[in-house]
C-alpha atoms as a PDB file:
ATOM      1  CA  MET A   1     108.459  96.171  93.738  1.00  0.00           C
ATOM      2  CA  PRO A   2     106.205  98.540  91.767  1.00  0.00           C
ATOM      3  CA  THR A   3     104.814 101.705  93.286  1.00  0.00           C
ATOM      4  CA  LEU A   4     101.044 101.828  93.476  1.00  0.00           C
ATOM      5  CA  ARG A   5     101.023 104.573  90.850  1.00  0.00           C
ATOM      6  CA  GLU A   6     102.922 102.263  88.452  1.00  0.00           C
ATOM      7  CA  HIS A   7     100.671  99.360  89.361  1.00  0.00           C
ATOM      8  CA  LEU A   8      97.464 101.284  88.637  1.00  0.00           C
ATOM      9  CA  ALA A   9      98.849 102.319  85.241  1.00  0.00           C
ATOM     10  CA  HIS A  10      98.831  98.605  84.301  1.00  0.00           C
ATOM     11  CA  TYR A  11      95.041  98.737  84.741  1.00  0.00           C
ATOM     12  CA  GLY A  12      94.808 101.782  82.484  1.00  0.00           C
ATOM     13  CA  PHE A  13      94.146 104.282  85.301  1.00  0.00           C
ATOM     14  CA  LYS A  14      95.476 107.764  84.601  1.00  0.00           C
ATOM     15  CA  ASP A  15      95.949 110.956  86.622  1.00  0.00           C
ATOM     16  CA  PHE A  16      94.228 114.164  85.506  1.00  0.00           C
ATOM     17  CA  ASP A  17      94.433 117.602  87.077  1.00  0.00           C
ATOM     18  CA  SER A  18      91.529 119.088  85.119  1.00  0.00           C
ATOM     19  CA  SER A  19      88.131 117.968  83.865  1.00  0.00           C
ATOM     20  CA  GLU A  20      88.968 119.300  80.404  1.00  0.00           C
ATOM     21  CA  PHE A  21      91.827 116.858  79.794  1.00  0.00           C
ATOM     22  CA  TYR A  22      89.863 114.039  81.411  1.00  0.00           C
ATOM     23  CA  ARG A  23      86.868 114.734  79.196  1.00  0.00           C
ATOM     24  CA  PHE A  24      88.955 114.664  76.023  1.00  0.00           C
ATOM     25  CA  TRP A  25      90.651 111.391  76.926  1.00  0.00           C
ATOM     26  CA  GLY A  26      87.506 109.751  78.341  1.00  0.00           C
ATOM     27  CA  GLY A  27      85.458 110.599  75.273  1.00  0.00           C
ATOM     28  CA  ARG A  28      87.950 108.897  72.996  1.00  0.00           C
ATOM     29  CA  GLN A  29      88.209 105.916  75.323  1.00  0.00           C
ATOM     30  CA  LEU A  30      84.465 105.318  75.717  1.00  0.00           C
ATOM     31  CA  GLY A  31      82.799 106.446  72.526  1.00  0.00           C
ATOM     32  CA  GLU A  32      79.260 107.801  72.487  1.00  0.00           C
ATOM     33  CA  GLY A  33      77.491 104.454  72.924  1.00  0.00           C
ATOM     34  CA  LYS A  34      79.319 103.422  76.087  1.00  0.00           C
ATOM     35  CA  ALA A  35      79.102 106.967  77.481  1.00  0.00           C
ATOM     36  CA  LYS A  36      75.313 106.933  77.101  1.00  0.00           C
ATOM     37  CA  MET A  37      75.045 103.489  78.693  1.00  0.00           C
ATOM     38  CA  LEU A  38      77.255 104.529  81.590  1.00  0.00           C
ATOM     39  CA  ASP A  39      75.102 107.577  82.233  1.00  0.00           C
ATOM     40  CA  ARG A  40      71.921 105.488  82.123  1.00  0.00           C
ATOM     41  CA  LEU A  41      73.266 102.916  84.596  1.00  0.00           C
ATOM     42  CA  ARG A  42      74.655 105.578  86.934  1.00  0.00           C
ATOM     43  CA  LYS A  43      71.411 107.532  87.391  1.00  0.00           C
ATOM     44  CA  PRO A  44      69.625 104.980  89.645  1.00  0.00           C
ATOM     45  CA  LEU A  45      72.629 105.054  91.999  1.00  0.00           C
ATOM     46  CA  GLU A  46      71.902 108.688  92.865  1.00  0.00           C
ATOM     47  CA  LYS A  47      68.721 107.713  94.750  1.00  0.00           C
ATOM     48  CA  ASP A  48      68.654 107.336  98.532  1.00  0.00           C
ATOM     49  CA  ASP A  49      67.043 103.888  98.263  1.00  0.00           C
ATOM     50  CA  VAL A  50      69.397 102.310  95.728  1.00  0.00           C
ATOM     51  CA  ARG A  51      68.353  98.842  94.630  1.00  0.00           C
ATOM     52  CA  PRO A  52      71.041  96.125  94.812  1.00  0.00           C
ATOM     53  CA  ASP A  53      70.198  95.038  91.259  1.00  0.00           C
ATOM     54  CA  ASP A  54      70.952  98.539  89.955  1.00  0.00           C
ATOM     55  CA  VAL A  55      74.299  98.552  91.780  1.00  0.00           C
ATOM     56  CA  LEU A  56      75.187  95.171  90.321  1.00  0.00           C
ATOM     57  CA  ARG A  57      74.269  96.207  86.766  1.00  0.00           C
ATOM     58  CA  PHE A  58      76.507  99.270  87.075  1.00  0.00           C
ATOM     59  CA  TYR A  59      79.510  97.294  88.313  1.00  0.00           C
ATOM     60  CA  GLU A  60      79.027  94.540  85.788  1.00  0.00           C
ATOM     61  CA  PHE A  61      79.183  97.160  83.033  1.00  0.00           C
ATOM     62  CA  ILE A  62      82.226  99.006  84.329  1.00  0.00           C
ATOM     63  CA  ALA A  63      84.174  95.737  84.629  1.00  0.00           C
ATOM     64  CA  ASP A  64      84.916  96.210  80.917  1.00  0.00           C
ATOM     65  CA  PRO A  65      88.615  97.250  81.017  1.00  0.00           C
ATOM     66  CA  ASP A  66      88.073 100.268  78.741  1.00  0.00           C
ATOM     67  CA  VAL A  67      85.152 101.508  80.832  1.00  0.00           C
ATOM     68  CA  ALA A  68      86.913 100.699  84.108  1.00  0.00           C
ATOM     69  CA  ALA A  69      89.892 102.799  83.076  1.00  0.00           C
ATOM     70  CA  VAL A  70      87.647 105.829  82.475  1.00  0.00           C
ATOM     71  CA  VAL A  71      85.504 105.428  85.595  1.00  0.00           C
ATOM     72  CA  HIS A  72      88.405 104.836  87.968  1.00  0.00           C
ATOM     73  CA  SER A  73      90.555 107.547  86.403  1.00  0.00           C
ATOM     74  CA  LEU A  74      88.093 110.020  87.936  1.00  0.00           C
ATOM     75  CA  LYS A  75      89.609 109.037  91.289  1.00  0.00           C
ATOM     76  CA  THR A  76      93.023 107.544  90.573  1.00  0.00           C
ATOM     77  CA  ASP A  77      94.624 109.594  93.335  1.00  0.00           C
ATOM     78  CA  ALA A  78      91.908 108.519  95.790  1.00  0.00           C
ATOM     79  CA  ILE A  79      92.597 104.878  94.933  1.00  0.00           C
ATOM     80  CA  ARG A  80      96.341 105.400  95.301  1.00  0.00           C
ATOM     81  CA  THR A  81      96.133 107.180  98.652  1.00  0.00           C
ATOM     82  CA  SER A  82      93.556 104.652  99.916  1.00  0.00           C
ATOM     83  CA  GLY A  83      95.730 101.690  98.968  1.00  0.00           C
ATOM     84  CA  GLU A  84      98.838 103.213 100.513  1.00  0.00           C
ATOM     85  CA  ALA A  85      96.961 104.064 103.727  1.00  0.00           C
ATOM     86  CA  VAL A  86      95.651 100.502 103.960  1.00  0.00           C
ATOM     87  CA  TRP A  87      99.062  98.976 103.300  1.00  0.00           C
ATOM     88  CA  GLN A  88     100.725 101.034 106.033  1.00  0.00           C
ATOM     89  CA  ARG A  89      98.274  99.469 108.484  1.00  0.00           C
ATOM     90  CA  ILE A  90      98.245  95.844 107.272  1.00  0.00           C
ATOM     91  CA  LYS A  91     101.838  95.181 106.186  1.00  0.00           C
ATOM     92  CA  GLY A  92     103.271  92.227 108.050  1.00  0.00           C
ATOM     93  CA  ARG A  93      99.875  90.533 108.269  1.00  0.00           C
ATOM     94  CA  LYS A  94      99.649  87.384 106.173  1.00  0.00           C
ATOM     95  CA  LYS A  95      96.024  86.519 105.477  1.00  0.00           C
ATOM     96  CA  ILE A  96      94.146  89.471 103.955  1.00  0.00           C
ATOM     97  CA  LEU A  97      90.522  89.791 102.780  1.00  0.00           C
ATOM     98  CA  ASP A  98      89.885  92.624 100.297  1.00  0.00           C
ATOM     99  CA  PHE A  99      86.139  93.219 100.614  1.00  0.00           C
ATOM    100  CA  GLY A 100      84.599  94.642  97.423  1.00  0.00           C
ATOM    101  CA  CYS A 101      87.765  94.173  95.388  1.00  0.00           C
ATOM    102  CA  ASN A 102      86.268  95.267  92.042  1.00  0.00           C
ATOM    103  CA  ILE A 103      88.694  94.224  89.266  1.00  0.00           C
ATOM    104  CA  GLY A 104      91.436  93.557  91.786  1.00  0.00           C
ATOM    105  CA  TYR A 105      93.721  96.543  91.333  1.00  0.00           C
ATOM    106  CA  LEU A 106      94.447  96.871  95.076  1.00  0.00           C
ATOM    107  CA  SER A 107      94.303  93.145  95.886  1.00  0.00           C
ATOM    108  CA  THR A 108      97.095  92.425  93.414  1.00  0.00           C
ATOM    109  CA  TRP A 109      99.159  95.338  94.723  1.00  0.00           C
ATOM    110  CA  TYR A 110      98.927  94.101  98.315  1.00  0.00           C
ATOM    111  CA  ALA A 111     100.074  90.697  97.063  1.00  0.00           C
ATOM    112  CA  SER A 112     102.964  92.281  95.155  1.00  0.00           C
ATOM    113  CA  GLN A 113     104.123  94.029  98.339  1.00  0.00           C
ATOM    114  CA  GLY A 114     104.579  90.778 100.227  1.00  0.00           C
ATOM    115  CA  SER A 115     101.142  89.601 101.379  1.00  0.00           C
ATOM    116  CA  ASN A 116     100.989  86.258  99.591  1.00  0.00           C
ATOM    117  CA  GLN A 117      97.591  85.202 100.971  1.00  0.00           C
ATOM    118  CA  VAL A 118      95.272  87.890  99.652  1.00  0.00           C
ATOM    119  CA  THR A 119      91.651  87.043  98.870  1.00  0.00           C
ATOM    120  CA  GLY A 120      89.525  89.481  96.892  1.00  0.00           C
ATOM    121  CA  VAL A 121      85.737  89.135  96.910  1.00  0.00           C
ATOM    122  CA  ASP A 122      83.104  91.018  94.920  1.00  0.00           C
ATOM    123  CA  ILE A 123      79.433  90.608  94.037  1.00  0.00           C
ATOM    124  CA  SER A 124      80.151  91.304  90.355  1.00  0.00           C
ATOM    125  CA  ALA A 125      81.020  88.153  88.417  1.00  0.00           C
ATOM    126  CA  ARG A 126      82.425  90.175  85.519  1.00  0.00           C
ATOM    127  CA  SER A 127      84.657  92.134  87.891  1.00  0.00           C
ATOM    128  CA  ILE A 128      86.066  88.919  89.322  1.00  0.00           C
ATOM    129  CA  GLU A 129      86.595  87.536  85.830  1.00  0.00           C
ATOM    130  CA  GLN A 130      88.613  90.622  84.905  1.00  0.00           C
ATOM    131  CA  ALA A 131      90.467  90.551  88.229  1.00  0.00           C
ATOM    132  CA  LYS A 132      91.714  87.050  87.459  1.00  0.00           C
ATOM    133  CA  LYS A 133      92.840  88.110  83.984  1.00  0.00           C
ATOM    134  CA  PHE A 134      94.752  91.105  85.313  1.00  0.00           C
ATOM    135  CA  ALA A 135      96.377  88.981  88.028  1.00  0.00           C
ATOM    136  CA  ALA A 136      97.510  86.480  85.408  1.00  0.00           C
ATOM    137  CA  SER A 137      98.912  89.231  83.189  1.00  0.00           C
ATOM    138  CA  LEU A 138     100.876  90.574  86.163  1.00  0.00           C
ATOM    139  CA  GLY A 139     102.146  87.132  87.116  1.00  0.00           C
ATOM    140  CA  CYS A 140     100.585  87.644  90.541  1.00  0.00           C
ATOM    141  CA  ASP A 141     100.036  84.247  92.156  1.00  0.00           C
ATOM    142  CA  GLY A 142      99.601  85.391  95.764  1.00  0.00           C
ATOM    143  CA  VAL A 143      95.986  86.405  95.310  1.00  0.00           C
ATOM    144  CA  THR A 144      92.694  84.516  94.972  1.00  0.00           C
ATOM    145  CA  PHE A 145      89.494  86.053  93.631  1.00  0.00           C
ATOM    146  CA  LEU A 146      86.003  84.872  94.591  1.00  0.00           C
ATOM    147  CA  HIS A 147      82.600  85.956  93.332  1.00  0.00           C
ATOM    148  CA  GLY A 148      79.628  86.272  95.653  1.00  0.00           C
ATOM    149  CA  ASP A 149      78.270  87.568  98.953  1.00  0.00           C
ATOM    150  CA  ALA A 150      80.944  87.377 101.658  1.00  0.00           C
ATOM    151  CA  ARG A 151      78.274  86.419 104.198  1.00  0.00           C
ATOM    152  CA  LYS A 152      77.563  83.244 102.245  1.00  0.00           C
ATOM    153  CA  ILE A 153      80.914  82.158 100.823  1.00  0.00           C
ATOM    154  CA  PHE A 154      83.092  82.635 103.934  1.00  0.00           C
ATOM    155  CA  GLN A 155      82.187  80.307 106.760  1.00  0.00           C
ATOM    156  CA  GLY A 156      84.606  78.964 109.344  1.00  0.00           C
ATOM    157  CA  VAL A 157      87.617  80.891 108.028  1.00  0.00           C
ATOM    158  CA  GLN A 158      89.459  83.804 109.580  1.00  0.00           C
ATOM    159  CA  PHE A 159      91.733  86.573 108.350  1.00  0.00           C
ATOM    160  CA  ASP A 160      94.527  88.630 109.892  1.00  0.00           C
ATOM    161  CA  ALA A 161      93.149  91.772 108.250  1.00  0.00           C
ATOM    162  CA  ILE A 162      89.986  92.759 106.391  1.00  0.00           C
ATOM    163  CA  VAL A 163      90.246  95.818 104.182  1.00  0.00           C
ATOM    164  CA  ASP A 164      87.552  97.902 102.557  1.00  0.00           C
ATOM    165  CA  THR A 165      88.014 100.876 100.253  1.00  0.00           C
ATOM    166  CA  GLN A 166      84.715 102.639  99.534  1.00  0.00           C
ATOM    167  CA  THR A 167      82.541  99.497  99.447  1.00  0.00           C
ATOM    168  CA  LEU A 168      81.339  98.463 102.894  1.00  0.00           C
ATOM    169  CA  TYR A 169      79.536 101.725 103.593  1.00  0.00           C
ATOM    170  CA  THR A 170      77.462 101.283 100.425  1.00  0.00           C
ATOM    171  CA  VAL A 171      76.170  97.719 100.988  1.00  0.00           C
ATOM    172  CA  PRO A 172      72.418  97.464 101.684  1.00  0.00           C
ATOM    173  CA  LYS A 173      72.720  95.432 104.914  1.00  0.00           C
ATOM    174  CA  LYS A 174      75.675  97.042 106.613  1.00  0.00           C
ATOM    175  CA  ARG A 175      75.085  95.828 110.158  1.00  0.00           C
ATOM    176  CA  GLN A 176      74.527  92.193 109.120  1.00  0.00           C
ATOM    177  CA  THR A 177      77.618  92.353 106.924  1.00  0.00           C
ATOM    178  CA  LEU A 178      79.726  93.904 109.685  1.00  0.00           C
ATOM    179  CA  LYS A 179      78.613  91.271 112.176  1.00  0.00           C
ATOM    180  CA  HIS A 180      79.660  88.534 109.759  1.00  0.00           C
ATOM    181  CA  LEU A 181      82.999  90.199 109.052  1.00  0.00           C
ATOM    182  CA  TYR A 182      83.521  90.228 112.837  1.00  0.00           C
ATOM    183  CA  THR A 183      83.349  86.417 112.825  1.00  0.00           C
ATOM    184  CA  LEU A 184      85.907  86.282 110.001  1.00  0.00           C
ATOM    185  CA  LEU A 185      88.529  88.273 111.910  1.00  0.00           C
ATOM    186  CA  HIS A 186      91.225  86.723 114.094  1.00  0.00           C
ATOM    187  CA  ASP A 187      91.130  87.860 117.712  1.00  0.00           C
ATOM    188  CA  ASP A 188      94.160  90.096 117.119  1.00  0.00           C
ATOM    189  CA  GLY A 189      93.194  91.028 113.555  1.00  0.00           C
ATOM    190  CA  ILE A 190      92.197  94.447 112.258  1.00  0.00           C
ATOM    191  CA  VAL A 191      89.635  95.918 109.891  1.00  0.00           C
ATOM    192  CA  VAL A 192      90.708  98.950 107.879  1.00  0.00           C
ATOM    193  CA  THR A 193      87.737 100.683 106.277  1.00  0.00           C
ATOM    194  CA  ILE A 194      87.766 103.836 104.133  1.00  0.00           C
ATOM    195  CA  PRO A 195      84.154 104.932 103.551  1.00  0.00           C
ATOM    196  CA  PRO A 196      83.234 107.569 100.930  1.00  0.00           C
ATOM    197  CA  ILE A 197      81.728 109.961 103.486  1.00  0.00           C
ATOM    198  CA  ARG A 198      82.616 113.578 104.194  1.00  0.00           C
ATOM    199  CA  THR A 199      80.628 114.922 107.152  1.00  0.00           C
ATOM    200  CA  VAL A 200      81.086 114.744 110.908  1.00  0.00           C
ATOM    201  CA  GLU A 201      77.554 113.373 111.315  1.00  0.00           C
ATOM    202  CA  LYS A 202      78.013 110.498 108.849  1.00  0.00           C
ATOM    203  CA  ILE A 203      81.449 109.572 110.164  1.00  0.00           C
ATOM    204  CA  SER A 204      80.149 109.561 113.754  1.00  0.00           C
ATOM    205  CA  ALA A 205      77.177 107.390 112.761  1.00  0.00           C
ATOM    206  CA  TYR A 206      79.479 104.946 110.961  1.00  0.00           C
ATOM    207  CA  LEU A 207      81.774 104.679 113.996  1.00  0.00           C
ATOM    208  CA  GLU A 208      78.731 103.937 116.148  1.00  0.00           C
ATOM    209  CA  LEU A 209      77.606 101.245 113.706  1.00  0.00           C
ATOM    210  CA  LEU A 210      81.054  99.629 113.881  1.00  0.00           C
ATOM    211  CA  SER A 211      80.880  99.685 117.677  1.00  0.00           C
ATOM    212  CA  LEU A 212      77.381  98.180 117.727  1.00  0.00           C
ATOM    213  CA  SER A 213      78.701  95.377 115.494  1.00  0.00           C
ATOM    214  CA  GLY A 214      81.282  94.448 118.130  1.00  0.00           C
ATOM    215  CA  PHE A 215      84.344  96.344 116.892  1.00  0.00           C
ATOM    216  CA  TYR A 216      86.572  98.574 118.995  1.00  0.00           C
ATOM    217  CA  ILE A 217      87.747 101.742 117.258  1.00  0.00           C
ATOM    218  CA  HIS A 218      91.549 102.024 117.216  1.00  0.00           C
ATOM    219  CA  THR A 219      92.175 105.109 115.089  1.00  0.00           C
ATOM    220  CA  LEU A 220      90.498 107.681 112.877  1.00  0.00           C
ATOM    221  CA  ASP A 221      92.644 109.510 110.336  1.00  0.00           C
ATOM    222  CA  PHE A 222      92.040 111.163 106.975  1.00  0.00           C
ATOM    223  CA  ILE A 223      93.571 110.763 103.553  1.00  0.00           C
ATOM    224  CA  VAL A 224      93.606 113.815 101.307  1.00  0.00           C
ATOM    225  CA  PHE A 225      93.714 113.420  97.550  1.00  0.00           C
ATOM    226  CA  SER A 226      93.169 115.259  94.292  1.00  0.00           C
ATOM    227  CA  ALA A 227      90.139 114.609  92.092  1.00  0.00           C
ATOM    228  CA  LEU A 228      90.547 116.331  88.733  1.00  0.00           C
ATOM    229  CA  GLY A 229      92.583 119.048  90.426  1.00  0.00           C
ATOM    230  CA  GLU A 230      90.301 119.635  93.425  1.00  0.00           C
ATOM    231  CA  ALA A 231      91.013 118.591  96.990  1.00  0.00           C
ATOM    232  CA  ASP A 232      88.897 115.906  98.631  1.00  0.00           C
ATOM    233  CA  ALA A 233      89.268 113.617 101.641  1.00  0.00           C
ATOM    234  CA  TYR A 234      88.037 110.316 103.085  1.00  0.00           C
ATOM    235  CA  PRO A 235      88.243 109.017 106.663  1.00  0.00           C
ATOM    236  CA  VAL A 236      90.481 106.016 107.379  1.00  0.00           C
ATOM    237  CA  ILE A 237      89.177 103.916 110.266  1.00  0.00           C
ATOM    238  CA  GLU A 238      91.029 101.040 111.929  1.00  0.00           C
ATOM    239  CA  THR A 239      89.049  98.699 114.188  1.00  0.00           C
ATOM    240  CA  GLY A 240      89.489  95.338 115.826  1.00  0.00           C
ATOM    241  CA  LYS A 241      88.371  92.973 118.584  1.00  0.00           C
ATOM    242  CA  VAL A 242      90.769  93.983 121.375  1.00  0.00           C
ATOM    243  CA  PRO A 243      89.038  96.181 124.010  1.00  0.00           C
ATOM    244  CA  GLU A 244      92.354  97.574 125.241  1.00  0.00           C
ATOM    245  CA  ARG A 245      92.927  99.232 121.872  1.00  0.00           C
ATOM    246  CA  GLN A 246      89.684 101.194 122.040  1.00  0.00           C
ATOM    247  CA  ALA A 247      90.413 104.906 121.562  1.00  0.00           C
ATOM    248  CA  VAL A 248      88.393 107.985 122.424  1.00  0.00           C
ATOM    249  CA  ILE A 249      87.836 109.734 119.096  1.00  0.00           C
ATOM    250  CA  ASP A 250      86.921 113.409 118.817  1.00  0.00           C
ATOM    251  CA  VAL A 251      85.488 113.243 115.297  1.00  0.00           C
ATOM    252  CA  GLU A 252      84.751 116.936 114.972  1.00  0.00           C
ATOM    253  CA  ALA A 253      88.250 117.979 116.067  1.00  0.00           C
ATOM    254  CA  LYS A 254      89.895 115.580 113.623  1.00  0.00           C
ATOM    255  CA  PHE A 255      87.589 116.686 110.826  1.00  0.00           C
ATOM    256  CA  ARG A 256      88.335 120.376 111.410  1.00  0.00           C
ATOM    257  CA  ALA A 257      92.066 119.669 111.539  1.00  0.00           C
ATOM    258  CA  MET A 258      91.799 117.897 108.189  1.00  0.00           C
ATOM    259  CA  GLN A 259      89.927 120.853 106.702  1.00  0.00           C
ATOM    260  CA  ARG A 260      92.593 123.270 107.897  1.00  0.00           C
ATOM    261  CA  ALA A 261      95.305 121.073 106.411  1.00  0.00           C
ATOM    262  CA  VAL A 262      93.602 121.025 103.011  1.00  0.00           C
ATOM    263  CA  ALA A 263      92.712 124.724 102.785  1.00  0.00           C
ATOM    264  CA  PRO A 264      91.210 127.460 104.942  1.00  0.00           C
ATOM    265  CA  GLY A 265      87.446 127.251 105.168  1.00  0.00           C
ATOM    266  CA  VAL A 266      85.230 124.540 103.747  1.00  0.00           C
ATOM    267  CA  LEU A 267      86.691 121.547 101.927  1.00  0.00           C
ATOM    268  CA  PRO A 268      85.720 121.881  98.254  1.00  0.00           C
ATOM    269  CA  PRO A 269      83.532 119.100  96.862  1.00  0.00           C
ATOM    270  CA  ALA A 270      85.504 117.101  94.307  1.00  0.00           C
ATOM    271  CA  THR A 271      82.993 114.588  93.021  1.00  0.00           C
ATOM    272  CA  LEU A 272      82.157 115.317  89.397  1.00  0.00           C
ATOM    273  CA  ARG A 273      78.378 115.183  89.114  1.00  0.00           C
ATOM    274  CA  LEU A 274      77.916 115.894  85.420  1.00  0.00           C
ATOM    275  CA  PRO A 275      76.304 113.148  83.340  1.00  0.00           C
ATOM    276  CA  TRP A 276      78.850 110.887  81.682  1.00  0.00           C
ATOM    277  CA  ARG A 277      77.315 111.600  78.297  1.00  0.00           C
ATOM    278  CA  ALA A 278      77.667 115.337  78.926  1.00  0.00           C
ATOM    279  CA  LEU A 279      81.317 114.789  79.739  1.00  0.00           C
ATOM    280  CA  PHE A 280      82.212 112.827  76.669  1.00  0.00           C
ATOM    281  CA  VAL A 281      79.707 113.706  73.969  1.00  0.00           C
ATOM    282  CA  ALA A 282      79.957 117.158  72.419  1.00  0.00           C
END
């Protein structure tokens, strides 16, 4: 079976330990026209009140395999560590829903590891189209890809595990979505969610939202990864429906322990905030 690093290479994702090398490669990959378009579509996503249409336009554009390779190569190690963390928690479970699957790079890997009933769902039709093409090129027949809003297309079905890597936290109607995902989970199933948040306050608020949606918090851990040579981290949260598995989580203590493990002092921000055009156009 392929490692996740090998699997992501099939999608064109590369590892970089500096912005300089990434910039050189990304510029050649995108070209000036696509770099300008990417920058234009990204800017509305920086607002606090992001419009769903702007999100969809961005993801429709980056479904292009050449663009996807550049965008996701910013965080290849984050994708790898996220996928491995999810798999450690869901292996042995048969029916998996990958919520916000994008072009399917993790859905197909879960299927390749032995989960032969993986369903990936995404709001981007172009992403799902590309996901199907990649699955076919990999000979991966244990995965199904569906386009649309999970609240509308999944009714009366249940899954052994629902997984989310950096999508669920960004949807506009989180509580309604979480409540629907609750109905899609078997009584002994689990949800593994890895939100792109980095503060004690936001993590605590997200845990409360999960609880208000009916979920019991099992565990809170952190994954640490490299983004263009700088350390960064995301929380990994496992939840479910079983009250007996509810854990008492000291968010601040876990967060400080993660910081100490990464480096003394404050965790360095790793998200590259330069415009895409500035990255790739001299």
